[in-house]
PDB file of N, CA and C in Angstrom:
ATOM      1  N   UNK A   1       0.669  -1.219  -0.036  1.00  0.00           N
ATOM      2  CA  UNK A   1      -0.241  -0.181  -0.069  1.00  0.00           C
ATOM      3  C   UNK A   1       0.791   1.091  -0.128  1.00  0.00           C
ATOM      4  N   UNK A   2       0.453   2.140  -0.719  1.00  0.00           N
ATOM      5  CA  UNK A   2       1.414   3.323  -1.065  1.00  0.00           C
ATOM      6  C   UNK A   2       0.926   4.367   0.121  1.00  0.00           C
ATOM      7  N   UNK A   3       2.075   5.344   0.389  1.00  0.00           N
ATOM      8  CA  UNK A   3       1.738   6.558   1.523  1.00  0.00           C
ATOM      9  C   UNK A   3       0.957   7.170   0.688  1.00  0.00           C
ATOM     10  N   UNK A   4       0.215   8.086   1.703  1.00  0.00           N
ATOM     11  CA  UNK A   4      -0.701   9.298   1.432  1.00  0.00           C
ATOM     12  C   UNK A   4       0.008  10.400   0.389  1.00  0.00           C
ATOM     13  N   UNK A   5       1.344  10.703   0.567  1.00  0.00           N
ATOM     14  CA  UNK A   5       1.999  11.367  -0.342  1.00  0.00           C
ATOM     15  C   UNK A   5       2.066  11.128  -1.498  1.00  0.00           C
ATOM     16  N   UNK A   6       2.556  10.069  -1.756  1.00  0.00           N
ATOM     17  CA  UNK A   6       2.628   9.273  -3.170  1.00  0.00           C
ATOM     18  C   UNK A   6       1.278   9.154  -3.967  1.00  0.00           C
ATOM     19  N   UNK A   7      -0.047   9.344  -3.137  1.00  0.00           N
ATOM     20  CA  UNK A   7      -1.169   9.173  -3.740  1.00  0.00           C
ATOM     21  C   UNK A   7      -1.447  10.699  -4.160  1.00  0.00           C
ATOM     22  N   UNK A   8      -1.217  11.616  -3.251  1.00  0.00           N
ATOM     23  CA  UNK A   8      -1.720  12.856  -3.594  1.00  0.00           C
ATOM     24  C   UNK A   8      -0.573  13.309  -4.552  1.00  0.00           C
ATOM     25  N   UNK A   9       0.463  12.955  -5.135  1.00  0.00           N
ATOM     26  CA  UNK A   9       1.017  13.264  -6.251  1.00  0.00           C
ATOM     27  C   UNK A   9       0.476  12.775  -7.329  1.00  0.00           C
ATOM     28  N   UNK A  10       0.164  11.445  -7.435  1.00  0.00           N
ATOM     29  CA  UNK A  10      -0.507  10.996  -8.441  1.00  0.00           C
ATOM     30  C   UNK A  10      -1.977  11.539  -8.721  1.00  0.00           C
ATOM     31  N   UNK A  11      -2.432  11.734  -7.639  1.00  0.00           N
ATOM     32  CA  UNK A  11      -3.907  11.994  -7.734  1.00  0.00           C
ATOM     33  C   UNK A  11      -4.327  13.441  -7.080  1.00  0.00           C
ATOM     34  N   UNK A  12      -4.125  14.712  -7.514  1.00  0.00           N
ATOM     35  CA  UNK A  12      -4.211  15.985  -6.973  1.00  0.00           C
ATOM     36  C   UNK A  12      -5.824  16.365  -6.704  1.00  0.00           C
ATOM     37  N   UNK A  13      -6.506  15.782  -7.294  1.00  0.00           N
ATOM     38  CA  UNK A  13      -7.819  15.869  -7.157  1.00  0.00           C
ATOM     39  C   UNK A  13      -8.474  15.125  -5.966  1.00  0.00           C
ATOM     40  N   UNK A  14      -7.385  14.397  -5.112  1.00  0.00           N
ATOM     41  CA  UNK A  14      -8.160  12.975  -4.487  1.00  0.00           C
ATOM     42  C   UNK A  14      -9.134  13.641  -3.653  1.00  0.00           C
ATOM     43  N   UNK A  15      -8.678  14.492  -2.664  1.00  0.00           N
ATOM     44  CA  UNK A  15      -9.655  15.292  -1.648  1.00  0.00           C
ATOM     45  C   UNK A  15     -11.071  15.970  -1.724  1.00  0.00           C
ATOM     46  N   UNK A  16     -11.100  16.363  -3.209  1.00  0.00           N
ATOM     47  CA  UNK A  16     -12.081  17.028  -3.683  1.00  0.00           C
ATOM     48  C   UNK A  16     -12.932  15.619  -4.251  1.00  0.00           C
ATOM     49  N   UNK A  17     -12.524  14.902  -4.648  1.00  0.00           N
ATOM     50  CA  UNK A  17     -13.325  13.700  -5.037  1.00  0.00           C
ATOM     51  C   UNK A  17     -13.988  13.251  -3.917  1.00  0.00           C
ATOM     52  N   UNK A  18     -13.097  12.431  -3.016  1.00  0.00           N
ATOM     53  CA  UNK A  18     -13.701  11.962  -1.832  1.00  0.00           C
ATOM     54  C   UNK A  18     -14.187  12.333  -1.124  1.00  0.00           C
ATOM     55  N   UNK A  19     -14.459  13.894  -0.612  1.00  0.00           N
ATOM     56  CA  UNK A  19     -15.472  14.762  -0.268  1.00  0.00           C
ATOM     57  C   UNK A  19     -16.471  15.404  -1.017  1.00  0.00           C
ATOM     58  N   UNK A  20     -16.931  15.215  -2.417  1.00  0.00           N
ATOM     59  CA  UNK A  20     -17.995  15.266  -3.152  1.00  0.00           C
ATOM     60  C   UNK A  20     -19.240  15.049  -2.420  1.00  0.00           C
ATOM     61  N   UNK A  21     -20.046  16.078  -2.271  1.00  0.00           N
ATOM     62  CA  UNK A  21     -21.154  15.954  -1.492  1.00  0.00           C
ATOM     63  C   UNK A  21     -22.398  15.695  -2.506  1.00  0.00           C
ATOM     64  N   UNK A  22     -22.542  14.497  -2.692  1.00  0.00           N
ATOM     65  CA  UNK A  22     -23.634  14.127  -3.832  1.00  0.00           C
ATOM     66  C   UNK A  22     -25.187  13.934  -2.979  1.00  0.00           C
ATOM     67  N   UNK A  23     -25.900  13.902  -4.232  1.00  0.00           N
ATOM     68  CA  UNK A  23     -27.672  14.067  -3.457  1.00  0.00           C
ATOM     69  C   UNK A  23     -27.544  12.761  -2.871  1.00  0.00           C
ATOM     70  N   UNK A  24     -28.734  12.836  -2.101  1.00  0.00           N
ATOM     71  CA  UNK A  24     -29.107  11.633  -1.423  1.00  0.00           C
ATOM     72  C   UNK A  24     -29.687  10.532  -2.446  1.00  0.00           C
ATOM     73  N   UNK A  25     -29.669   9.207  -2.230  1.00  0.00           N
ATOM     74  CA  UNK A  25     -30.052   8.574  -3.363  1.00  0.00           C
ATOM     75  C   UNK A  25     -29.226   8.502  -4.690  1.00  0.00           C
ATOM     76  N   UNK A  26     -28.110   9.063  -4.781  1.00  0.00           N
ATOM     77  CA  UNK A  26     -27.427   8.947  -5.990  1.00  0.00           C
ATOM     78  C   UNK A  26     -26.501   8.085  -5.983  1.00  0.00           C
ATOM     79  N   UNK A  27     -26.656   6.602  -5.868  1.00  0.00           N
ATOM     80  CA  UNK A  27     -26.017   5.802  -5.642  1.00  0.00           C
ATOM     81  C   UNK A  27     -24.595   5.627  -6.992  1.00  0.00           C
ATOM     82  N   UNK A  28     -24.885   6.260  -8.136  1.00  0.00           N
ATOM     83  CA  UNK A  28     -24.000   5.997  -9.163  1.00  0.00           C
ATOM     84  C   UNK A  28     -22.925   6.781  -8.634  1.00  0.00           C
ATOM     85  N   UNK A  29     -22.998   8.034  -8.067  1.00  0.00           N
ATOM     86  CA  UNK A  29     -21.925   8.843  -7.512  1.00  0.00           C
ATOM     87  C   UNK A  29     -21.153   8.129  -6.659  1.00  0.00           C
ATOM     88  N   UNK A  30     -21.960   7.496  -5.353  1.00  0.00           N
ATOM     89  CA  UNK A  30     -21.574   7.083  -4.349  1.00  0.00           C
ATOM     90  C   UNK A  30     -20.583   5.727  -4.594  1.00  0.00           C
ATOM     91  N   UNK A  31     -21.164   4.832  -5.751  1.00  0.00           N
ATOM     92  CA  UNK A  31     -20.462   3.520  -6.079  1.00  0.00           C
ATOM     93  C   UNK A  31     -19.208   4.281  -6.805  1.00  0.00           C
ATOM     94  N   UNK A  32     -19.207   5.202  -7.415  1.00  0.00           N
ATOM     95  CA  UNK A  32     -17.754   5.737  -8.393  1.00  0.00           C
ATOM     96  C   UNK A  32     -16.730   6.232  -7.259  1.00  0.00           C
ATOM     97  N   UNK A  33     -17.221   6.799  -6.362  1.00  0.00           N
ATOM     98  CA  UNK A  33     -16.261   7.221  -5.365  1.00  0.00           C
ATOM     99  C   UNK A  33     -15.708   6.302  -4.511  1.00  0.00           C
ATOM    100  N   UNK A  34     -16.684   5.109  -4.526  1.00  0.00           N
ATOM    101  CA  UNK A  34     -16.348   4.250  -3.518  1.00  0.00           C
ATOM    102  C   UNK A  34     -15.059   3.315  -4.738  1.00  0.00           C
ATOM    103  N   UNK A  35     -15.179   3.270  -5.906  1.00  0.00           N
ATOM    104  CA  UNK A  35     -14.355   2.503  -6.754  1.00  0.00           C
ATOM    105  C   UNK A  35     -12.821   3.135  -6.868  1.00  0.00           C
ATOM    106  N   UNK A  36     -12.903   4.483  -6.774  1.00  0.00           N
ATOM    107  CA  UNK A  36     -12.100   5.678  -7.311  1.00  0.00           C
ATOM    108  C   UNK A  36     -10.973   5.358  -5.729  1.00  0.00           C
ATOM    109  N   UNK A  37     -11.668   5.364  -4.657  1.00  0.00           N
ATOM    110  CA  UNK A  37     -10.898   5.093  -3.461  1.00  0.00           C
ATOM    111  C   UNK A  37     -10.307   3.455  -3.297  1.00  0.00           C
ATOM    112  N   UNK A  38     -10.891   2.497  -3.721  1.00  0.00           N
ATOM    113  CA  UNK A  38     -10.109   1.094  -3.513  1.00  0.00           C
ATOM    114  C   UNK A  38      -9.326   1.160  -4.840  1.00  0.00           C
ATOM    115  N   UNK A  39      -9.627   1.580  -6.089  1.00  0.00           N
ATOM    116  CA  UNK A  39      -8.661   1.804  -7.288  1.00  0.00           C
ATOM    117  C   UNK A  39      -7.222   2.796  -6.898  1.00  0.00           C
ATOM    118  N   UNK A  40      -7.261   3.701  -6.655  1.00  0.00           N
ATOM    119  CA  UNK A  40      -5.948   4.585  -6.332  1.00  0.00           C
ATOM    120  C   UNK A  40      -5.257   3.856  -5.200  1.00  0.00           C
ATOM    121  N   UNK A  41      -5.720   3.206  -4.050  1.00  0.00           N
ATOM    122  CA  UNK A  41      -4.841   2.764  -3.479  1.00  0.00           C
ATOM    123  C   UNK A  41      -4.663   1.129  -3.688  1.00  0.00           C
ATOM    124  N   UNK A  42      -4.929   0.584  -5.030  1.00  0.00           N
ATOM    125  CA  UNK A  42      -4.428  -0.780  -5.216  1.00  0.00           C
ATOM    126  C   UNK A  42      -3.579  -0.580  -6.554  1.00  0.00           C
ATOM    127  N   UNK A  43      -3.360   0.677  -6.867  1.00  0.00           N
ATOM    128  CA  UNK A  43      -2.121   1.069  -8.044  1.00  0.00           C
ATOM    129  C   UNK A  43      -0.844   0.683  -7.666  1.00  0.00           C
ATOM    130  N   UNK A  44      -0.204  -0.125  -8.643  1.00  0.00           N
ATOM    131  CA  UNK A  44       1.384  -0.435  -8.499  1.00  0.00           C
ATOM    132  C   UNK A  44       1.967   1.008  -9.121  1.00  0.00           C
ATOM    133  N   UNK A  45       2.564   1.431  -8.287  1.00  0.00           N
ATOM    134  CA  UNK A  45       3.437   2.769  -8.821  1.00  0.00           C
ATOM    135  C   UNK A  45       4.745   2.416  -9.953  1.00  0.00           C
ATOM    136  N   UNK A  46       4.974   1.402  -9.738  1.00  0.00           N
ATOM    137  CA  UNK A  46       6.171   0.739 -10.684  1.00  0.00           C
ATOM    138  C   UNK A  46       5.812   0.497 -12.155  1.00  0.00           C
ATOM    139  N   UNK A  47       4.581   0.708 -12.442  1.00  0.00           N
ATOM    140  CA  UNK A  47       4.196   0.297 -13.502  1.00  0.00           C
ATOM    141  C   UNK A  47       3.394   1.502 -14.126  1.00  0.00           C
ATOM    142  N   UNK A  48       3.859   2.061 -15.357  1.00  0.00           N
ATOM    143  CA  UNK A  48       3.723   3.302 -16.025  1.00  0.00           C
ATOM    144  C   UNK A  48       2.323   3.268 -16.311  1.00  0.00           C
ATOM    145  N   UNK A  49       1.782   2.004 -17.016  1.00  0.00           N
ATOM    146  CA  UNK A  49       0.277   2.215 -17.476  1.00  0.00           C
ATOM    147  C   UNK A  49      -0.533   2.075 -16.043  1.00  0.00           C
ATOM    148  N   UNK A  50      -0.294   1.692 -14.931  1.00  0.00           N
ATOM    149  CA  UNK A  50      -1.103   1.755 -14.003  1.00  0.00           C
ATOM    150  C   UNK A  50      -0.977   3.248 -13.574  1.00  0.00           C
ATOM    151  N   UNK A  51      -0.147   3.820 -13.596  1.00  0.00           N
ATOM    152  CA  UNK A  51       0.200   5.138 -12.858  1.00  0.00           C
ATOM    153  C   UNK A  51      -0.585   6.260 -14.010  1.00  0.00           C
ATOM    154  N   UNK A  52      -0.196   6.102 -15.099  1.00  0.00           N
ATOM    155  CA  UNK A  52      -1.282   7.075 -16.093  1.00  0.00           C
ATOM    156  C   UNK A  52      -2.749   6.732 -16.151  1.00  0.00           C
ATOM    157  N   UNK A  53      -2.967   5.436 -15.878  1.00  0.00           N
ATOM    158  CA  UNK A  53      -4.583   5.008 -15.688  1.00  0.00           C
ATOM    159  C   UNK A  53      -5.128   5.895 -14.424  1.00  0.00           C
ATOM    160  N   UNK A  54      -4.294   5.675 -13.574  1.00  0.00           N
ATOM    161  CA  UNK A  54      -4.621   6.517 -12.354  1.00  0.00           C
ATOM    162  C   UNK A  54      -4.688   7.845 -12.363  1.00  0.00           C
ATOM    163  N   UNK A  55      -3.810   8.810 -13.139  1.00  0.00           N
ATOM    164  CA  UNK A  55      -4.017  10.109 -13.384  1.00  0.00           C
ATOM    165  C   UNK A  55      -5.096  10.266 -13.980  1.00  0.00           C
ATOM    166  N   UNK A  56      -5.419   9.510 -15.095  1.00  0.00           N
ATOM    167  CA  UNK A  56      -6.674  10.166 -16.038  1.00  0.00           C
ATOM    168  C   UNK A  56      -7.585   9.699 -15.249  1.00  0.00           C
ATOM    169  N   UNK A  57      -8.154   8.821 -14.700  1.00  0.00           N
ATOM    170  CA  UNK A  57      -9.263   8.271 -13.803  1.00  0.00           C
ATOM    171  C   UNK A  57      -9.384   9.386 -12.693  1.00  0.00           C
ATOM    172  N   UNK A  58      -8.391  10.245 -12.049  1.00  0.00           N
ATOM    173  CA  UNK A  58      -8.514  10.943 -11.084  1.00  0.00           C
ATOM    174  C   UNK A  58      -8.935  12.335 -11.790  1.00  0.00           C
ATOM    175  N   UNK A  59      -8.285  12.641 -13.232  1.00  0.00           N
ATOM    176  CA  UNK A  59      -9.111  13.901 -14.027  1.00  0.00           C
ATOM    177  C   UNK A  59     -10.283  13.685 -14.515  1.00  0.00           C
ATOM    178  N   UNK A  60     -10.567  12.270 -14.774  1.00  0.00           N
ATOM    179  CA  UNK A  60     -12.473  12.075 -15.160  1.00  0.00           C
ATOM    180  C   UNK A  60     -13.378  12.421 -14.130  1.00  0.00           C
ATOM    181  N   UNK A  61     -13.093  11.685 -12.763  1.00  0.00           N
ATOM    182  CA  UNK A  61     -13.629  12.051 -11.743  1.00  0.00           C
ATOM    183  C   UNK A  61     -13.927  13.393 -11.217  1.00  0.00           C
ATOM    184  N   UNK A  62     -12.700  14.043 -11.550  1.00  0.00           N
ATOM    185  CA  UNK A  62     -12.608  15.376 -11.093  1.00  0.00           C
ATOM    186  C   UNK A  62     -13.581  16.352 -12.045  1.00  0.00           C
ATOM    187  N   UNK A  63     -13.673  16.041 -13.571  1.00  0.00           N
ATOM    188  CA  UNK A  63     -14.601  16.500 -14.176  1.00  0.00           C
ATOM    189  C   UNK A  63     -16.028  16.080 -13.960  1.00  0.00           C
ATOM    190  N   UNK A  64     -16.011  14.759 -13.362  1.00  0.00           N
ATOM    191  CA  UNK A  64     -17.468  14.462 -13.076  1.00  0.00           C
ATOM    192  C   UNK A  64     -17.997  15.363 -11.919  1.00  0.00           C
ATOM    193  N   UNK A  65     -17.284  15.542 -11.178  1.00  0.00           N
ATOM    194  CA  UNK A  65     -17.875  16.463  -9.972  1.00  0.00           C
ATOM    195  C   UNK A  65     -17.827  18.021 -10.325  1.00  0.00           C
ATOM    196  N   UNK A  66     -17.136  18.036 -11.149  1.00  0.00           N
ATOM    197  CA  UNK A  66     -17.389  19.913 -11.770  1.00  0.00           C
ATOM    198  C   UNK A  66     -18.408  19.916 -12.863  1.00  0.00           C
ATOM    199  N   UNK A  67     -18.488  18.950 -13.865  1.00  0.00           N
ATOM    200  CA  UNK A  67     -19.483  19.029 -15.088  1.00  0.00           C
ATOM    201  C   UNK A  67     -20.764  18.556 -14.879  1.00  0.00           C
ATOM    202  N   UNK A  68     -21.989  19.204 -14.846  1.00  0.00           N
ATOM    203  CA  UNK A  68     -23.259  18.315 -14.464  1.00  0.00           C
ATOM    204  C   UNK A  68     -23.604  17.769 -15.841  1.00  0.00           C
ATOM    205  N   UNK A  69     -23.310  18.361 -17.061  1.00  0.00           N
ATOM    206  CA  UNK A  69     -23.634  17.558 -18.441  1.00  0.00           C
ATOM    207  C   UNK A  69     -23.080  15.900 -18.448  1.00  0.00           C
ATOM    208  N   UNK A  70     -21.652  16.206 -18.265  1.00  0.00           N
ATOM    209  CA  UNK A  70     -21.025  15.117 -18.029  1.00  0.00           C
ATOM    210  C   UNK A  70     -21.482  14.135 -17.009  1.00  0.00           C
ATOM    211  N   UNK A  71     -21.471  14.229 -15.885  1.00  0.00           N
ATOM    212  CA  UNK A  71     -22.216  13.469 -14.578  1.00  0.00           C
ATOM    213  C   UNK A  71     -23.294  13.087 -15.179  1.00  0.00           C
ATOM    214  N   UNK A  72     -24.422  13.866 -16.007  1.00  0.00           N
ATOM    215  CA  UNK A  72     -25.460  13.059 -16.308  1.00  0.00           C
ATOM    216  C   UNK A  72     -25.196  11.811 -17.349  1.00  0.00           C
ATOM    217  N   UNK A  73     -24.425  12.193 -18.362  1.00  0.00           N
ATOM    218  CA  UNK A  73     -24.168  11.531 -19.501  1.00  0.00           C
ATOM    219  C   UNK A  73     -23.504  10.214 -18.950  1.00  0.00           C
ATOM    220  N   UNK A  74     -22.316  10.259 -17.981  1.00  0.00           N
ATOM    221  CA  UNK A  74     -21.963   9.138 -17.213  1.00  0.00           C
ATOM    222  C   UNK A  74     -22.810   8.293 -16.136  1.00  0.00           C
ATOM    223  N   UNK A  75     -23.631   8.978 -15.958  1.00  0.00           N
ATOM    224  CA  UNK A  75     -24.571   8.123 -14.867  1.00  0.00           C
ATOM    225  C   UNK A  75     -25.865   7.143 -16.136  1.00  0.00           C
ATOM    226  N   UNK A  76     -25.980   7.798 -17.144  1.00  0.00           N
ATOM    227  CA  UNK A  76     -26.899   7.214 -18.144  1.00  0.00           C
ATOM    228  C   UNK A  76     -26.157   6.019 -18.717  1.00  0.00           C
ATOM    229  N   UNK A  77     -25.032   5.934 -19.138  1.00  0.00           N
ATOM    230  CA  UNK A  77     -24.049   5.427 -20.173  1.00  0.00           C
ATOM    231  C   UNK A  77     -23.607   3.947 -18.863  1.00  0.00           C
ATOM    232  N   UNK A  78     -23.093   4.404 -17.603  1.00  0.00           N
ATOM    233  CA  UNK A  78     -22.327   3.453 -16.791  1.00  0.00           C
ATOM    234  C   UNK A  78     -23.440   2.634 -16.404  1.00  0.00           C
ATOM    235  N   UNK A  79     -24.455   2.411 -16.413  1.00  0.00           N
ATOM    236  CA  UNK A  79     -25.873   1.249 -16.056  1.00  0.00           C
ATOM    237  C   UNK A  79     -25.995   0.576 -17.478  1.00  0.00           C
ATOM    238  N   UNK A  80     -25.327   0.746 -18.397  1.00  0.00           N
ATOM    239  CA  UNK A  80     -25.887  -0.245 -19.713  1.00  0.00           C
ATOM    240  C   UNK A  80     -23.990  -0.746 -19.710  1.00  0.00           C
ATOM    241  N   UNK A  81     -23.115  -0.652 -19.126  1.00  0.00           N
ATOM    242  CA  UNK A  81     -21.802  -1.158 -18.990  1.00  0.00           C
ATOM    243  C   UNK A  81     -21.701  -2.547 -19.138  1.00  0.00           C
ATOM    244  N   UNK A  82     -21.062  -3.022 -20.004  1.00  0.00           N
ATOM    245  CA  UNK A  82     -20.699  -4.704 -19.670  1.00  0.00           C
ATOM    246  C   UNK A  82     -19.133  -4.749 -19.446  1.00  0.00           C
ATOM    247  N   UNK A  83     -18.906  -5.556 -18.561  1.00  0.00           N
ATOM    248  CA  UNK A  83     -17.311  -5.288 -17.967  1.00  0.00           C
ATOM    249  C   UNK A  83     -16.844  -6.998 -18.377  1.00  0.00           C
ATOM    250  N   UNK A  84     -15.691  -7.230 -18.743  1.00  0.00           N
ATOM    251  CA  UNK A  84     -15.271  -8.547 -18.826  1.00  0.00           C
ATOM    252  C   UNK A  84     -15.116  -9.171 -17.322  1.00  0.00           C
ATOM    253  N   UNK A  85     -15.616 -10.316 -17.556  1.00  0.00           N
ATOM    254  CA  UNK A  85     -15.683 -11.122 -16.082  1.00  0.00           C
ATOM    255  C   UNK A  85     -14.003 -11.842 -16.072  1.00  0.00           C
ATOM    256  N   UNK A  86     -13.056 -11.040 -15.496  1.00  0.00           N
ATOM    257  CA  UNK A  86     -11.602 -11.363 -15.484  1.00  0.00           C
ATOM    258  C   UNK A  86     -11.133 -11.429 -13.760  1.00  0.00           C
ATOM    259  N   UNK A  87     -10.033 -11.286 -13.469  1.00  0.00           N
ATOM    260  CA  UNK A  87      -9.563 -11.027 -12.365  1.00  0.00           C
ATOM    261  C   UNK A  87      -9.590  -9.591 -11.533  1.00  0.00           C
ATOM    262  N   UNK A  88      -9.519  -8.497 -12.757  1.00  0.00           N
ATOM    263  CA  UNK A  88      -9.503  -7.190 -12.165  1.00  0.00           C
ATOM    264  C   UNK A  88     -10.706  -6.690 -12.752  1.00  0.00           C
ATOM    265  N   UNK A  89     -11.855  -6.587 -12.463  1.00  0.00           N
ATOM    266  CA  UNK A  89     -12.946  -6.159 -12.951  1.00  0.00           C
ATOM    267  C   UNK A  89     -13.045  -4.429 -12.536  1.00  0.00           C
ATOM    268  N   UNK A  90     -12.421  -3.824 -11.542  1.00  0.00           N
ATOM    269  CA  UNK A  90     -12.130  -2.378 -11.148  1.00  0.00           C
ATOM    270  C   UNK A  90     -11.433  -2.021 -12.060  1.00  0.00           C
ATOM    271  N   UNK A  91     -10.097  -2.429 -12.810  1.00  0.00           N
ATOM    272  CA  UNK A  91      -9.618  -1.735 -13.753  1.00  0.00           C
ATOM    273  C   UNK A  91     -10.282  -1.755 -15.129  1.00  0.00           C
ATOM    274  N   UNK A  92     -11.125  -2.791 -15.242  1.00  0.00           N
ATOM    275  CA  UNK A  92     -11.829  -3.137 -16.628  1.00  0.00           C
ATOM    276  C   UNK A  92     -13.004  -1.793 -16.421  1.00  0.00           C
ATOM    277  N   UNK A  93     -13.476  -1.743 -15.476  1.00  0.00           N
ATOM    278  CA  UNK A  93     -14.334  -0.642 -14.981  1.00  0.00           C
ATOM    279  C   UNK A  93     -14.107   1.054 -15.576  1.00  0.00           C
ATOM    280  N   UNK A  94     -12.745   0.748 -14.810  1.00  0.00           N
ATOM    281  CA  UNK A  94     -12.358   2.366 -14.868  1.00  0.00           C
ATOM    282  C   UNK A  94     -11.738   2.726 -16.451  1.00  0.00           C
ATOM    283  N   UNK A  95     -11.274   1.451 -16.995  1.00  0.00           N
ATOM    284  CA  UNK A  95     -11.110   1.503 -18.405  1.00  0.00           C
ATOM    285  C   UNK A  95     -12.157   2.273 -19.302  1.00  0.00           C
ATOM    286  N   UNK A  96     -13.192   1.609 -18.966  1.00  0.00           N
ATOM    287  CA  UNK A  96     -14.774   1.820 -19.590  1.00  0.00           C
ATOM    288  C   UNK A  96     -15.153   3.393 -19.173  1.00  0.00           C
ATOM    289  N   UNK A  97     -14.819   3.877 -17.907  1.00  0.00           N
ATOM    290  CA  UNK A  97     -15.192   5.319 -17.540  1.00  0.00           C
ATOM    291  C   UNK A  97     -14.092   5.946 -18.219  1.00  0.00           C
ATOM    292  N   UNK A  98     -13.037   5.749 -18.348  1.00  0.00           N
ATOM    293  CA  UNK A  98     -12.154   6.868 -19.163  1.00  0.00           C
ATOM    294  C   UNK A  98     -12.673   6.760 -20.571  1.00  0.00           C
ATOM    295  N   UNK A  99     -13.246   5.637 -21.258  1.00  0.00           N
ATOM    296  CA  UNK A  99     -13.174   5.792 -22.686  1.00  0.00           C
ATOM    297  C   UNK A  99     -14.817   6.653 -22.546  1.00  0.00           C
ATOM    298  N   UNK A 100     -15.762   6.406 -21.767  1.00  0.00           N
ATOM    299  CA  UNK A 100     -16.625   7.352 -22.102  1.00  0.00           C
ATOM    300  C   UNK A 100     -16.391   8.539 -21.799  1.00  0.00           C
ATOM    301  N   UNK A 101     -15.392   9.168 -20.979  1.00  0.00           N
ATOM    302  CA  UNK A 101     -15.122  10.812 -21.065  1.00  0.00           C
ATOM    303  C   UNK A 101     -14.552  10.973 -22.217  1.00  0.00           C
ATOM    304  N   UNK A 102     -13.445  10.120 -22.762  1.00  0.00           N
ATOM    305  CA  UNK A 102     -12.978  10.631 -24.149  1.00  0.00           C
ATOM    306  C   UNK A 102     -14.161  10.845 -24.852  1.00  0.00           C
ATOM    307  N   UNK A 103     -14.900   9.988 -25.000  1.00  0.00           N
ATOM    308  CA  UNK A 103     -15.946  10.127 -26.022  1.00  0.00           C
ATOM    309  C   UNK A 103     -16.779  11.494 -26.009  1.00  0.00           C
ATOM    310  N   UNK A 104     -17.119  11.491 -24.815  1.00  0.00           N
ATOM    311  CA  UNK A 104     -17.792  12.803 -24.428  1.00  0.00           C
ATOM    312  C   UNK A 104     -16.871  14.127 -24.429  1.00  0.00           C
ATOM    313  N   UNK A 105     -15.982  14.093 -24.377  1.00  0.00           N
ATOM    314  CA  UNK A 105     -15.152  15.064 -24.577  1.00  0.00           C
ATOM    315  C   UNK A 105     -14.765  15.345 -26.242  1.00  0.00           C
ATOM    316  N   UNK A 106     -14.779  14.172 -26.940  1.00  0.00           N
ATOM    317  CA  UNK A 106     -14.408  14.419 -28.380  1.00  0.00           C
ATOM    318  C   UNK A 106     -15.778  15.044 -28.618  1.00  0.00           C
ATOM    319  N   UNK A 107     -16.990  14.706 -28.765  1.00  0.00           N
ATOM    320  CA  UNK A 107     -18.170  15.170 -29.174  1.00  0.00           C
ATOM    321  C   UNK A 107     -18.934  16.393 -28.578  1.00  0.00           C
ATOM    322  N   UNK A 108     -18.323  16.941 -27.433  1.00  0.00           N
ATOM    323  CA  UNK A 108     -18.759  18.206 -26.936  1.00  0.00           C
ATOM    324  C   UNK A 108     -17.720  19.524 -27.121  1.00  0.00           C
ATOM    325  N   UNK A 109     -16.780  18.817 -27.755  1.00  0.00           N
ATOM    326  CA  UNK A 109     -16.035  20.316 -27.974  1.00  0.00           C
ATOM    327  C   UNK A 109     -16.231  20.721 -29.382  1.00  0.00           C
ATOM    328  N   UNK A 110     -16.178  21.549 -29.124  1.00  0.00           N
ATOM    329  CA  UNK A 110     -16.754  22.807 -30.498  1.00  0.00           C
ATOM    330  C   UNK A 110     -15.532  23.704 -31.022  1.00  0.00           C
ATOM    331  N   UNK A 111     -15.477  23.842 -32.347  1.00  0.00           N
ATOM    332  CA  UNK A 111     -14.425  24.647 -33.245  1.00  0.00           C
ATOM    333  C   UNK A 111     -15.041  26.056 -33.021  1.00  0.00           C
ATOM    334  N   UNK A 112     -14.322  26.859 -32.765  1.00  0.00           N
ATOM    335  CA  UNK A 112     -14.802  28.219 -32.496  1.00  0.00           C
ATOM    336  C   UNK A 112     -13.795  29.026 -33.849  1.00  0.00           C
ATOM    337  N   UNK A 113     -14.709  29.742 -34.381  1.00  0.00           N
ATOM    338  CA  UNK A 113     -14.502  30.300 -35.344  1.00  0.00           C
ATOM    339  C   UNK A 113     -14.402  31.947 -35.003  1.00  0.00           C
ATOM    340  N   UNK A 114     -13.499  32.559 -35.320  1.00  0.00           N
ATOM    341  CA  UNK A 114     -13.129  34.106 -35.084  1.00  0.00           C
ATOM    342  C   UNK A 114     -13.357  34.724 -36.622  1.00  0.00           C
ATOM    343  N   UNK A 115     -14.083  35.609 -36.324  1.00  0.00           N
ATOM    344  CA  UNK A 115     -14.495  36.280 -37.472  1.00  0.00           C
ATOM    345  C   UNK A 115     -13.660  37.791 -37.237  1.00  0.00           C
ATOM    346  N   UNK A 116     -13.709  38.169 -38.666  1.00  0.00           N
ATOM    347  CA  UNK A 116     -12.703  39.585 -38.753  1.00  0.00           C
ATOM    348  C   UNK A 116     -13.988  40.329 -38.880  1.00  0.00           C
ATOM    349  N   UNK A 117     -13.978  41.776 -38.560  1.00  0.00           N
ATOM    350  CA  UNK A 117     -14.469  42.899 -38.889  1.00  0.00           C
ATOM    351  C   UNK A 117     -13.705  43.894 -39.477  1.00  0.00           C
ATOM    352  N   UNK A 118     -14.606  43.961 -40.771  1.00  0.00           N
ATOM    353  CA  UNK A 118     -13.881  44.754 -41.862  1.00  0.00           C
ATOM    354  C   UNK A 118     -14.220  46.404 -41.854  1.00  0.00           C
TER     355      UNK A 118
END
């Protein structure tokens, strides 16, 4: 198990995420935060893929608590997700959540055109 200092270096949004005040009855947010806590403390900091994944997951859940539209999108899509039934279900679920966020970012980013006035 890693020390708190190592966790905070990898996950700068850790306290914001675990202290998120979600609505009563919001089981999805409660479960996501629970998954986040258990996943962060299970990461092997010697494996670069795990480190990158936990940093990305930290960024995704930070956006989850800040962006209402993404929160509602993730809550709708997460209930239809199917994960592989293998040894590491939590890692597979984290990968799916990151993929949902990537798709969300890709489809909600707009091109901004700057017009010139003559």
